[in-house]
Amino acid sequence: MIVAVIDGMGGGIGAQIVTQLRQELPLEVEILALGTNAVATDRMMKARANRGATGENAIKVSINEADFILAPIGVVIPNSMMGEVTPGIATAVASARGYKLLIPINQPHFEIVGIEWKALTKQISAAIAIIRERAGLPSPEGA
């Protein structure tokens, strides 16, 4: 199973996602770090992603390897993340075959209405629980 994590800007959210995936999913799960820039990719790799690639073309080529895609919602909105998400990236992610789990994070030019705010760690854990369920993975011990 391959989980793609997509992030941009400083890569902090992507790094946090990768860290939690590593802690909560079996080691056999491959994590693919796809950054809109080299800093984001590097941060996700340091958080222990298996492989990483950077930029629009790398995302377009690699995204369809993923069974699951986990990212801030901005990756499907052209020109978000201060313009780092190109229309090509947004289209590639939205059209990818993998099951998408998009984390609702507001940005200066859009707001997600009707979503209850939760700490990022809780949002990521909820996404990981969905991955576990859809992939037929057992729940972690004590859950």
N, C-alpha and C. Protein backbone atom coordinates (compact mmCIF):
# COMPACT_ATOMS: atom_id res chain seq x y z
N MET A 1 0.84 -1.17 0.00
CA MET A 1 0.00 0.00 0.00
C MET A 1 0.89 1.24 0.00
N ILE A 2 0.52 2.22 -0.80
CA ILE A 2 1.27 3.47 -0.89
C ILE A 2 0.36 4.62 -0.48
N VAL A 3 0.87 5.45 0.43
CA VAL A 3 0.19 6.67 0.85
C VAL A 3 1.03 7.85 0.38
N ALA A 4 0.45 8.70 -0.46
CA ALA A 4 1.14 9.92 -0.90
C ALA A 4 0.75 11.05 0.03
N VAL A 5 1.75 11.80 0.46
CA VAL A 5 1.53 13.00 1.26
C VAL A 5 2.00 14.17 0.41
N ILE A 6 1.14 15.15 0.24
CA ILE A 6 1.49 16.30 -0.59
C ILE A 6 1.48 17.54 0.29
N ASP A 7 2.51 18.36 0.14
CA ASP A 7 2.56 19.62 0.88
C ASP A 7 3.43 20.61 0.13
N GLY A 8 3.37 21.85 0.57
CA GLY A 8 4.16 22.91 -0.02
C GLY A 8 4.64 23.85 1.05
N MET A 9 5.00 25.05 0.64
CA MET A 9 5.52 26.09 1.52
C MET A 9 6.64 25.53 2.39
N GLY A 10 6.52 25.56 3.71
CA GLY A 10 7.59 25.07 4.57
C GLY A 10 7.56 23.59 4.86
N GLY A 11 6.50 22.91 4.44
CA GLY A 11 6.41 21.46 4.61
C GLY A 11 6.07 20.99 6.01
N GLY A 12 5.70 21.91 6.89
CA GLY A 12 5.41 21.53 8.27
C GLY A 12 4.22 20.60 8.43
N ILE A 13 3.15 20.87 7.70
CA ILE A 13 1.97 20.01 7.78
C ILE A 13 2.29 18.64 7.21
N GLY A 14 2.95 18.61 6.07
CA GLY A 14 3.34 17.33 5.46
C GLY A 14 4.23 16.52 6.37
N ALA A 15 5.19 17.18 7.02
CA ALA A 15 6.08 16.48 7.95
C ALA A 15 5.30 15.90 9.12
N GLN A 16 4.33 16.65 9.62
CA GLN A 16 3.51 16.15 10.72
C GLN A 16 2.67 14.96 10.27
N ILE A 17 2.13 15.02 9.06
CA ILE A 17 1.36 13.90 8.53
C ILE A 17 2.24 12.66 8.41
N VAL A 18 3.43 12.81 7.84
CA VAL A 18 4.35 11.67 7.67
C VAL A 18 4.71 11.09 9.03
N THR A 19 5.02 11.94 10.00
CA THR A 19 5.37 11.47 11.34
C THR A 19 4.25 10.63 11.94
N GLN A 20 3.01 11.12 11.84
CA GLN A 20 1.89 10.36 12.40
C GLN A 20 1.62 9.08 11.62
N LEU A 21 1.75 9.12 10.30
CA LEU A 21 1.59 7.89 9.51
C LEU A 21 2.59 6.85 9.98
N ARG A 22 3.84 7.25 10.16
CA ARG A 22 4.89 6.32 10.60
C ARG A 22 4.57 5.73 11.96
N GLN A 23 4.01 6.55 12.85
CA GLN A 23 3.70 6.09 14.20
C GLN A 23 2.47 5.18 14.24
N GLU A 24 1.50 5.42 13.35
CA GLU A 24 0.20 4.77 13.48
C GLU A 24 -0.08 3.68 12.45
N LEU A 25 0.74 3.57 11.41
CA LEU A 25 0.52 2.53 10.40
C LEU A 25 1.70 1.56 10.38
N PRO A 26 1.48 0.33 9.90
CA PRO A 26 2.58 -0.64 9.82
C PRO A 26 3.73 -0.13 8.95
N LEU A 27 4.93 -0.59 9.26
CA LEU A 27 6.12 -0.16 8.52
C LEU A 27 6.08 -0.56 7.05
N GLU A 28 5.28 -1.57 6.71
CA GLU A 28 5.20 -2.00 5.30
C GLU A 28 4.52 -0.96 4.43
N VAL A 29 3.78 -0.04 5.03
CA VAL A 29 3.11 1.01 4.26
C VAL A 29 4.18 1.95 3.72
N GLU A 30 4.17 2.15 2.41
CA GLU A 30 5.14 3.05 1.79
C GLU A 30 4.56 4.46 1.77
N ILE A 31 5.37 5.40 2.23
CA ILE A 31 4.95 6.80 2.24
C ILE A 31 5.73 7.55 1.16
N LEU A 32 4.98 8.17 0.26
CA LEU A 32 5.55 8.91 -0.85
C LEU A 32 5.35 10.40 -0.57
N ALA A 33 6.46 11.12 -0.38
CA ALA A 33 6.41 12.56 -0.10
C ALA A 33 6.47 13.33 -1.41
N LEU A 34 5.43 14.10 -1.69
CA LEU A 34 5.39 14.91 -2.90
C LEU A 34 5.29 16.38 -2.50
N GLY A 35 6.35 17.11 -2.75
CA GLY A 35 6.38 18.52 -2.37
C GLY A 35 6.25 19.45 -3.55
N THR A 36 5.58 20.56 -3.32
CA THR A 36 5.52 21.57 -4.38
C THR A 36 6.85 22.32 -4.47
N ASN A 37 7.69 22.16 -3.44
CA ASN A 37 9.03 22.75 -3.46
C ASN A 37 9.99 21.83 -2.70
N ALA A 38 11.29 22.07 -2.85
CA ALA A 38 12.30 21.19 -2.26
C ALA A 38 12.30 21.22 -0.74
N VAL A 39 11.98 22.36 -0.14
CA VAL A 39 11.95 22.44 1.33
C VAL A 39 10.86 21.53 1.88
N ALA A 40 9.68 21.57 1.28
CA ALA A 40 8.58 20.72 1.75
C ALA A 40 8.93 19.24 1.59
N THR A 41 9.50 18.88 0.45
CA THR A 41 9.89 17.48 0.23
C THR A 41 10.93 17.05 1.25
N ASP A 42 11.93 17.90 1.48
CA ASP A 42 13.00 17.58 2.43
C ASP A 42 12.45 17.37 3.84
N ARG A 43 11.55 18.23 4.27
CA ARG A 43 10.97 18.07 5.62
C ARG A 43 10.21 16.76 5.75
N MET A 44 9.47 16.38 4.69
CA MET A 44 8.73 15.12 4.74
C MET A 44 9.68 13.93 4.72
N MET A 45 10.77 14.04 3.98
CA MET A 45 11.76 12.95 3.95
C MET A 45 12.42 12.80 5.32
N LYS A 46 12.73 13.90 5.96
CA LYS A 46 13.32 13.85 7.31
C LYS A 46 12.35 13.25 8.32
N ALA A 47 11.05 13.34 8.05
CA ALA A 47 10.04 12.75 8.92
C ALA A 47 9.86 11.25 8.63
N ARG A 48 10.67 10.71 7.72
CA ARG A 48 10.77 9.28 7.42
C ARG A 48 9.82 8.79 6.33
N ALA A 49 9.56 9.63 5.32
CA ALA A 49 8.88 9.12 4.12
C ALA A 49 9.86 8.20 3.41
N ASN A 50 9.34 7.22 2.66
CA ASN A 50 10.20 6.28 1.94
C ASN A 50 10.86 6.89 0.71
N ARG A 51 10.07 7.66 -0.03
CA ARG A 51 10.57 8.28 -1.26
C ARG A 51 9.99 9.68 -1.36
N GLY A 52 10.66 10.53 -2.13
CA GLY A 52 10.16 11.88 -2.30
C GLY A 52 10.43 12.41 -3.69
N ALA A 53 9.59 13.33 -4.12
CA ALA A 53 9.76 13.99 -5.41
C ALA A 53 9.21 15.41 -5.28
N THR A 54 9.75 16.29 -6.11
CA THR A 54 9.44 17.71 -5.99
C THR A 54 8.97 18.31 -7.31
N GLY A 55 7.95 19.14 -7.23
CA GLY A 55 7.53 19.94 -8.37
C GLY A 55 6.32 19.40 -9.10
N GLU A 56 5.80 20.23 -9.99
CA GLU A 56 4.56 19.89 -10.70
C GLU A 56 4.68 18.60 -11.49
N ASN A 57 5.71 18.46 -12.29
CA ASN A 57 5.80 17.26 -13.12
C ASN A 57 5.98 16.01 -12.27
N ALA A 58 6.79 16.10 -11.22
CA ALA A 58 6.98 14.94 -10.34
C ALA A 58 5.66 14.53 -9.69
N ILE A 59 4.87 15.51 -9.28
CA ILE A 59 3.57 15.20 -8.68
C ILE A 59 2.65 14.56 -9.71
N LYS A 60 2.60 15.14 -10.91
CA LYS A 60 1.74 14.59 -11.97
C LYS A 60 2.12 13.15 -12.32
N VAL A 61 3.42 12.86 -12.35
CA VAL A 61 3.89 11.52 -12.72
C VAL A 61 3.69 10.52 -11.59
N SER A 62 3.92 10.95 -10.35
CA SER A 62 3.95 10.02 -9.21
C SER A 62 2.61 9.81 -8.52
N ILE A 63 1.69 10.75 -8.64
CA ILE A 63 0.48 10.72 -7.83
C ILE A 63 -0.36 9.46 -8.05
N ASN A 64 -0.35 8.92 -9.25
CA ASN A 64 -1.19 7.75 -9.50
C ASN A 64 -0.62 6.44 -8.98
N GLU A 65 0.56 6.49 -8.37
CA GLU A 65 1.08 5.31 -7.66
C GLU A 65 0.34 5.09 -6.35
N ALA A 66 -0.25 6.15 -5.83
CA ALA A 66 -0.80 6.12 -4.47
C ALA A 66 -2.18 5.48 -4.39
N ASP A 67 -2.34 4.67 -3.36
CA ASP A 67 -3.65 4.11 -3.03
C ASP A 67 -4.46 5.13 -2.22
N PHE A 68 -3.75 5.93 -1.43
CA PHE A 68 -4.35 6.98 -0.62
C PHE A 68 -3.53 8.25 -0.79
N ILE A 69 -4.21 9.39 -0.76
CA ILE A 69 -3.57 10.69 -0.87
C ILE A 69 -4.01 11.51 0.33
N LEU A 70 -3.05 11.97 1.09
CA LEU A 70 -3.33 12.73 2.31
C LEU A 70 -2.63 14.08 2.20
N ALA A 71 -3.41 15.16 2.32
CA ALA A 71 -2.85 16.49 2.09
C ALA A 71 -3.79 17.57 2.62
N PRO A 72 -3.26 18.78 2.80
CA PRO A 72 -4.14 19.91 3.07
C PRO A 72 -5.07 20.12 1.87
N ILE A 73 -6.28 20.58 2.11
CA ILE A 73 -7.26 20.73 1.04
C ILE A 73 -6.79 21.66 -0.07
N GLY A 74 -5.89 22.56 0.23
CA GLY A 74 -5.38 23.48 -0.77
C GLY A 74 -4.75 22.83 -1.98
N VAL A 75 -4.36 21.56 -1.89
CA VAL A 75 -3.71 20.92 -3.04
C VAL A 75 -4.67 20.70 -4.20
N VAL A 76 -5.96 20.83 -3.98
CA VAL A 76 -6.91 20.71 -5.09
C VAL A 76 -7.50 22.06 -5.49
N ILE A 77 -6.92 23.13 -4.96
CA ILE A 77 -7.37 24.49 -5.28
C ILE A 77 -6.23 25.22 -5.99
N PRO A 78 -6.40 25.48 -7.29
CA PRO A 78 -5.33 26.16 -8.02
C PRO A 78 -4.93 27.48 -7.36
N ASN A 79 -3.64 27.74 -7.37
CA ASN A 79 -3.04 28.98 -6.86
C ASN A 79 -3.05 29.10 -5.34
N SER A 80 -3.41 28.04 -4.63
CA SER A 80 -3.34 28.10 -3.16
C SER A 80 -1.89 27.91 -2.73
N MET A 81 -1.66 27.93 -1.44
CA MET A 81 -0.31 27.86 -0.86
C MET A 81 0.59 28.93 -1.49
N MET A 82 0.07 30.16 -1.52
CA MET A 82 0.79 31.31 -2.07
C MET A 82 1.23 31.09 -3.51
N GLY A 83 0.39 30.39 -4.26
CA GLY A 83 0.66 30.17 -5.68
C GLY A 83 1.45 28.92 -6.00
N GLU A 84 1.87 28.17 -4.97
CA GLU A 84 2.67 26.96 -5.22
C GLU A 84 1.86 25.84 -5.86
N VAL A 85 0.56 25.81 -5.59
CA VAL A 85 -0.28 24.78 -6.20
C VAL A 85 -0.74 25.31 -7.56
N THR A 86 -0.12 24.79 -8.59
CA THR A 86 -0.46 25.21 -9.95
C THR A 86 -1.77 24.55 -10.37
N PRO A 87 -2.42 25.09 -11.39
CA PRO A 87 -3.61 24.40 -11.90
C PRO A 87 -3.31 22.95 -12.29
N GLY A 88 -2.12 22.69 -12.79
CA GLY A 88 -1.74 21.32 -13.15
C GLY A 88 -1.66 20.39 -11.96
N ILE A 89 -1.10 20.89 -10.85
CA ILE A 89 -1.02 20.07 -9.63
C ILE A 89 -2.43 19.81 -9.11
N ALA A 90 -3.25 20.86 -9.03
CA ALA A 90 -4.61 20.71 -8.50
C ALA A 90 -5.40 19.70 -9.32
N THR A 91 -5.29 19.77 -10.63
CA THR A 91 -6.01 18.83 -11.50
C THR A 91 -5.48 17.42 -11.34
N ALA A 92 -4.16 17.27 -11.28
CA ALA A 92 -3.56 15.93 -11.14
C ALA A 92 -4.01 15.27 -9.85
N VAL A 93 -4.01 16.02 -8.76
CA VAL A 93 -4.41 15.45 -7.47
C VAL A 93 -5.90 15.13 -7.48
N ALA A 94 -6.72 16.06 -7.93
CA ALA A 94 -8.16 15.83 -7.95
C ALA A 94 -8.55 14.66 -8.84
N SER A 95 -7.80 14.43 -9.91
CA SER A 95 -8.11 13.37 -10.87
C SER A 95 -7.42 12.05 -10.56
N ALA A 96 -6.53 12.03 -9.59
CA ALA A 96 -5.75 10.82 -9.28
C ALA A 96 -6.67 9.69 -8.84
N ARG A 97 -6.22 8.46 -9.08
CA ARG A 97 -7.02 7.28 -8.77
C ARG A 97 -7.13 7.02 -7.27
N GLY A 98 -6.15 7.44 -6.48
CA GLY A 98 -6.12 7.15 -5.05
C GLY A 98 -7.25 7.82 -4.29
N TYR A 99 -7.60 7.22 -3.16
CA TYR A 99 -8.64 7.77 -2.29
C TYR A 99 -8.06 9.00 -1.59
N LYS A 100 -8.73 10.13 -1.71
CA LYS A 100 -8.21 11.38 -1.20
C LYS A 100 -8.77 11.70 0.19
N LEU A 101 -7.86 12.04 1.09
CA LEU A 101 -8.21 12.50 2.43
C LEU A 101 -7.62 13.90 2.56
N LEU A 102 -8.48 14.90 2.50
CA LEU A 102 -8.03 16.29 2.47
C LEU A 102 -8.31 16.96 3.80
N ILE A 103 -7.28 17.53 4.38
CA ILE A 103 -7.38 18.15 5.69
C ILE A 103 -7.83 19.60 5.52
N PRO A 104 -8.93 19.99 6.19
CA PRO A 104 -9.45 21.35 6.02
C PRO A 104 -8.59 22.39 6.74
N ILE A 105 -7.84 23.13 5.97
CA ILE A 105 -7.00 24.19 6.51
C ILE A 105 -7.33 25.46 5.73
N ASN A 106 -7.81 26.47 6.45
CA ASN A 106 -8.16 27.73 5.80
C ASN A 106 -6.91 28.47 5.36
N GLN A 107 -7.05 29.22 4.28
CA GLN A 107 -5.97 30.05 3.76
C GLN A 107 -6.51 31.46 3.57
N PRO A 108 -5.64 32.44 3.36
CA PRO A 108 -6.11 33.82 3.26
C PRO A 108 -7.17 34.07 2.20
N HIS A 109 -7.17 33.30 1.11
CA HIS A 109 -8.11 33.58 0.03
C HIS A 109 -9.31 32.63 -0.02
N PHE A 110 -9.44 31.73 0.95
CA PHE A 110 -10.65 30.93 1.03
C PHE A 110 -10.86 30.44 2.46
N GLU A 111 -12.11 30.12 2.76
CA GLU A 111 -12.46 29.59 4.08
C GLU A 111 -13.40 28.42 3.88
N ILE A 112 -13.21 27.38 4.65
CA ILE A 112 -14.04 26.20 4.57
C ILE A 112 -15.15 26.37 5.61
N VAL A 113 -16.37 26.42 5.14
CA VAL A 113 -17.52 26.69 6.00
C VAL A 113 -18.16 25.38 6.42
N GLY A 114 -18.63 25.32 7.66
CA GLY A 114 -19.37 24.16 8.13
C GLY A 114 -18.50 23.05 8.69
N ILE A 115 -17.23 23.30 8.85
CA ILE A 115 -16.31 22.30 9.39
C ILE A 115 -15.97 22.69 10.82
N GLU A 116 -16.11 21.75 11.72
CA GLU A 116 -15.75 21.99 13.11
C GLU A 116 -14.23 21.98 13.23
N TRP A 117 -13.66 23.02 13.82
CA TRP A 117 -12.22 23.10 13.98
C TRP A 117 -11.75 22.04 14.97
N LYS A 118 -10.69 21.34 14.61
CA LYS A 118 -10.03 20.37 15.50
C LYS A 118 -8.54 20.57 15.36
N ALA A 119 -7.80 20.18 16.38
CA ALA A 119 -6.34 20.26 16.31
C ALA A 119 -5.85 19.42 15.13
N LEU A 120 -4.78 19.87 14.50
CA LEU A 120 -4.25 19.18 13.33
C LEU A 120 -3.94 17.71 13.62
N THR A 121 -3.38 17.42 14.78
CA THR A 121 -3.06 16.03 15.11
C THR A 121 -4.31 15.15 15.13
N LYS A 122 -5.42 15.71 15.60
CA LYS A 122 -6.68 14.94 15.63
C LYS A 122 -7.22 14.74 14.21
N GLN A 123 -7.08 15.75 13.37
CA GLN A 123 -7.52 15.62 11.98
C GLN A 123 -6.71 14.54 11.26
N ILE A 124 -5.40 14.55 11.49
CA ILE A 124 -4.54 13.55 10.86
C ILE A 124 -4.88 12.15 11.37
N SER A 125 -5.09 12.02 12.68
CA SER A 125 -5.46 10.71 13.23
C SER A 125 -6.78 10.21 12.66
N ALA A 126 -7.74 11.12 12.46
CA ALA A 126 -9.02 10.73 11.86
C ALA A 126 -8.80 10.23 10.43
N ALA A 127 -7.94 10.90 9.68
CA ALA A 127 -7.63 10.47 8.31
C ALA A 127 -6.96 9.10 8.32
N ILE A 128 -6.05 8.89 9.25
CA ILE A 128 -5.36 7.60 9.34
C ILE A 128 -6.34 6.49 9.70
N ALA A 129 -7.31 6.79 10.56
CA ALA A 129 -8.34 5.79 10.90
C ALA A 129 -9.13 5.40 9.66
N ILE A 130 -9.41 6.36 8.78
CA ILE A 130 -10.12 6.05 7.53
C ILE A 130 -9.25 5.18 6.63
N ILE A 131 -7.96 5.48 6.56
CA ILE A 131 -7.04 4.65 5.76
C ILE A 131 -7.06 3.22 6.29
N ARG A 132 -6.94 3.07 7.62
CA ARG A 132 -6.95 1.74 8.23
C ARG A 132 -8.22 0.98 7.85
N GLU A 133 -9.35 1.65 7.99
CA GLU A 133 -10.63 1.00 7.71
C GLU A 133 -10.74 0.61 6.24
N ARG A 134 -10.44 1.52 5.34
CA ARG A 134 -10.58 1.26 3.90
C ARG A 134 -9.57 0.23 3.40
N ALA A 135 -8.39 0.17 4.05
CA ALA A 135 -7.36 -0.78 3.64
C ALA A 135 -7.48 -2.11 4.37
N GLY A 136 -8.40 -2.20 5.32
CA GLY A 136 -8.57 -3.45 6.07
C GLY A 136 -7.45 -3.72 7.05
N LEU A 137 -6.81 -2.66 7.54
CA LEU A 137 -5.73 -2.82 8.52
C LEU A 137 -6.33 -2.88 9.92
N PRO A 138 -5.73 -3.66 10.81
CA PRO A 138 -6.26 -3.74 12.18
C PRO A 138 -6.07 -2.42 12.91
N SER A 139 -6.94 -2.17 13.87
CA SER A 139 -6.80 -0.98 14.72
C SER A 139 -5.57 -1.13 15.59
N PRO A 140 -4.97 0.00 15.99
CA PRO A 140 -3.81 -0.09 16.87
C PRO A 140 -4.21 -0.68 18.22
N GLU A 141 -3.23 -1.25 18.90
CA GLU A 141 -3.48 -1.85 20.22
C GLU A 141 -4.06 -0.81 21.17
N GLY A 142 -5.05 -1.20 21.93
CA GLY A 142 -5.64 -0.34 22.94
C GLY A 142 -6.64 0.67 22.40
N ALA A 143 -6.93 0.63 21.11
CA ALA A 143 -7.87 1.61 20.56
C ALA A 143 -9.29 1.09 20.63
